[in-house]
Amino acid sequence: MAIGTDILMIDDDRDLVQSIRIVLESRNYTVRSAFSGKDGYARIQEKTPNLIILDVMMATDTEGFDLAYKLRHDPRYQSIPIIMVTAFPKKMAEEGPDKFQHILGESWPVSQFIEKPVDPELLLSSVDNVLREAQKI
């Protein structure tokens, strides 16, 4: 499954993107990257990926959620599975839920969450499972 599988990693942390790239490429996944929601959306329009790995907090605390909702409401992209890699639970614990109330009641438009710091084996297992589920649809 991995060979020819295009994964788009969208995260403003370039070191994290590089470390995740190494992990995924070790399993023969093709990895493209973007460092903002806007850049990520442009890359999606250039070539639709098989999977998106998306950070929540980039330029704004909800930039990743905003992009995920945009994709879920666009018929061209709504079926792309999204794994959200985030420190969001930690940030919410530090700052309190009031700041994030506008997204807490929402149905989150992602296939799975992985908390930072990312465990490489959990990441690989999640990617494999999400891609396998996506093929069943």
Protein backbone atom coordinates (compact mmCIF):
# COMPACT_ATOMS: atom_id res chain seq x y z
CA MET A 1 0.00 0.00 0.00
CA ALA A 2 2.78 2.47 0.83
CA ILE A 3 4.48 2.73 -2.55
CA GLY A 4 2.73 5.46 -4.51
CA THR A 5 0.74 6.63 -1.47
CA ASP A 6 0.94 10.42 -1.30
CA ILE A 7 0.84 11.95 2.18
CA LEU A 8 0.69 15.71 2.70
CA MET A 9 2.09 16.90 6.04
CA ILE A 10 0.89 20.39 7.05
CA ASP A 11 2.64 21.79 10.12
CA ASP A 12 4.52 25.00 10.87
CA ASP A 13 7.19 23.11 12.85
CA ARG A 14 9.76 22.32 10.17
CA ASP A 15 11.75 20.00 12.46
CA LEU A 16 8.65 17.93 13.20
CA VAL A 17 7.79 17.76 9.50
CA GLN A 18 11.30 16.50 8.75
CA SER A 19 11.21 13.86 11.50
CA ILE A 20 7.79 12.61 10.42
CA ARG A 21 8.98 12.59 6.79
CA ILE A 22 11.86 10.28 7.76
CA VAL A 23 9.51 7.92 9.61
CA LEU A 24 7.01 7.74 6.75
CA GLU A 25 9.59 7.48 3.99
CA SER A 26 11.14 4.52 5.85
CA ARG A 27 7.88 2.73 4.92
CA ASN A 28 8.02 3.97 1.30
CA TYR A 29 5.30 6.59 1.63
CA THR A 30 5.72 9.67 -0.57
CA VAL A 31 5.64 12.75 1.67
CA ARG A 32 4.99 16.32 0.59
CA SER A 33 4.96 19.20 3.05
CA ALA A 34 3.42 22.59 3.66
CA PHE A 35 4.03 24.93 6.55
CA SER A 36 0.68 26.74 6.78
CA GLY A 37 -2.98 26.05 6.13
CA LYS A 38 -2.94 28.33 3.09
CA ASP A 39 0.13 26.64 1.60
CA GLY A 40 -1.36 23.24 2.41
CA TYR A 41 -4.60 24.05 0.62
CA ALA A 42 -2.62 25.14 -2.44
CA ARG A 43 -0.71 21.83 -2.41
CA ILE A 44 -3.99 19.91 -2.14
CA GLN A 45 -5.28 21.75 -5.19
CA GLU A 46 -2.09 20.90 -7.12
CA LYS A 47 -2.42 17.18 -6.35
CA THR A 48 -4.99 15.51 -4.12
CA PRO A 49 -3.15 13.46 -1.48
CA ASN A 50 -4.21 10.04 -0.23
CA LEU A 51 -3.86 11.28 3.37
CA ILE A 52 -3.28 14.57 5.18
CA ILE A 53 -1.38 14.84 8.45
CA LEU A 54 -2.40 18.19 9.88
CA ASP A 55 -1.39 20.33 12.85
CA VAL A 56 -4.10 22.26 14.70
CA MET A 57 -2.22 25.32 15.92
CA MET A 58 -0.18 27.16 13.33
CA ALA A 59 -0.62 30.88 12.58
CA THR A 60 -3.79 30.76 14.72
CA ASP A 61 -4.87 28.36 17.45
CA THR A 62 -7.44 26.78 15.12
CA GLU A 63 -5.85 27.04 11.66
CA GLY A 64 -5.75 23.26 11.23
CA PHE A 65 -9.39 22.88 12.28
CA ASP A 66 -10.34 25.67 9.91
CA LEU A 67 -8.63 23.91 7.00
CA ALA A 68 -10.14 20.54 7.92
CA TYR A 69 -13.66 22.03 7.96
CA LYS A 70 -13.01 23.72 4.62
CA LEU A 71 -11.95 20.39 3.12
CA ARG A 72 -14.92 18.50 4.58
CA HIS A 73 -17.33 20.98 2.98
CA ASP A 74 -15.70 20.79 -0.47
CA PRO A 75 -16.94 17.79 -2.52
CA ARG A 76 -13.55 17.54 -4.26
CA TYR A 77 -11.69 16.94 -0.99
CA GLN A 78 -14.20 15.74 1.59
CA SER A 79 -13.15 12.09 1.37
CA ILE A 80 -9.44 12.70 2.04
CA PRO A 81 -8.63 11.14 5.43
CA ILE A 82 -7.02 13.51 7.92
CA ILE A 83 -4.87 12.61 10.90
CA MET A 84 -4.54 15.58 13.22
CA VAL A 85 -1.19 15.74 15.04
CA THR A 86 -1.47 18.23 17.84
CA ALA A 87 -0.50 19.58 21.20
CA PHE A 88 -4.06 20.93 21.44
CA PRO A 89 -5.10 18.96 24.58
CA LYS A 90 -2.03 20.29 26.41
CA LYS A 91 -2.70 23.85 25.23
CA MET A 92 -6.35 23.59 26.25
CA ALA A 93 -5.33 22.30 29.69
CA GLU A 94 -2.90 25.22 30.11
CA GLU A 95 -5.20 27.97 28.84
CA GLY A 96 -8.59 26.57 29.81
CA PRO A 97 -11.45 25.41 27.60
CA ASP A 98 -13.14 28.83 27.34
CA LYS A 99 -10.70 30.00 24.67
CA PHE A 100 -11.57 26.98 22.52
CA GLN A 101 -15.31 26.77 23.20
CA HIS A 102 -16.21 27.62 19.60
CA ILE A 103 -14.67 24.34 18.38
CA LEU A 104 -15.29 22.04 21.35
CA GLY A 105 -18.92 21.37 20.51
CA GLU A 106 -18.20 20.68 16.85
CA SER A 107 -18.07 17.35 15.14
CA TRP A 108 -14.38 17.23 14.37
CA PRO A 109 -13.64 16.61 10.70
CA VAL A 110 -10.71 14.27 11.15
CA SER A 111 -10.18 10.52 11.07
CA GLN A 112 -7.88 10.39 14.08
CA PHE A 113 -5.91 12.49 16.56
CA ILE A 114 -2.30 11.88 17.58
CA GLU A 115 -0.88 13.89 20.44
CA LYS A 116 2.53 15.57 20.29
CA PRO A 117 5.21 14.51 20.90
CA VAL A 118 4.59 11.93 18.19
CA ASP A 119 5.42 8.30 18.83
CA PRO A 120 6.76 6.94 15.50
CA GLU A 121 5.19 3.48 15.89
CA LEU A 122 1.81 4.97 16.79
CA LEU A 123 2.07 7.27 13.78
CA LEU A 124 2.85 4.42 11.39
CA SER A 125 0.09 2.27 12.82
CA SER A 126 -2.41 5.14 12.57
CA VAL A 127 -1.41 5.96 8.98
CA ASP A 128 -1.74 2.31 7.95
CA ASN A 129 -5.14 1.94 9.67
CA VAL A 130 -6.60 5.19 8.32
CA LEU A 131 -5.47 4.40 4.76
CA ARG A 132 -6.86 0.86 5.02
CA GLU A 133 -10.24 2.22 6.22
CA ALA A 134 -10.26 4.82 3.43
CA GLN A 135 -9.89 2.07 0.82
CA LYS A 136 -12.99 0.29 2.15
CA ILE A 137 -15.24 3.28 1.38
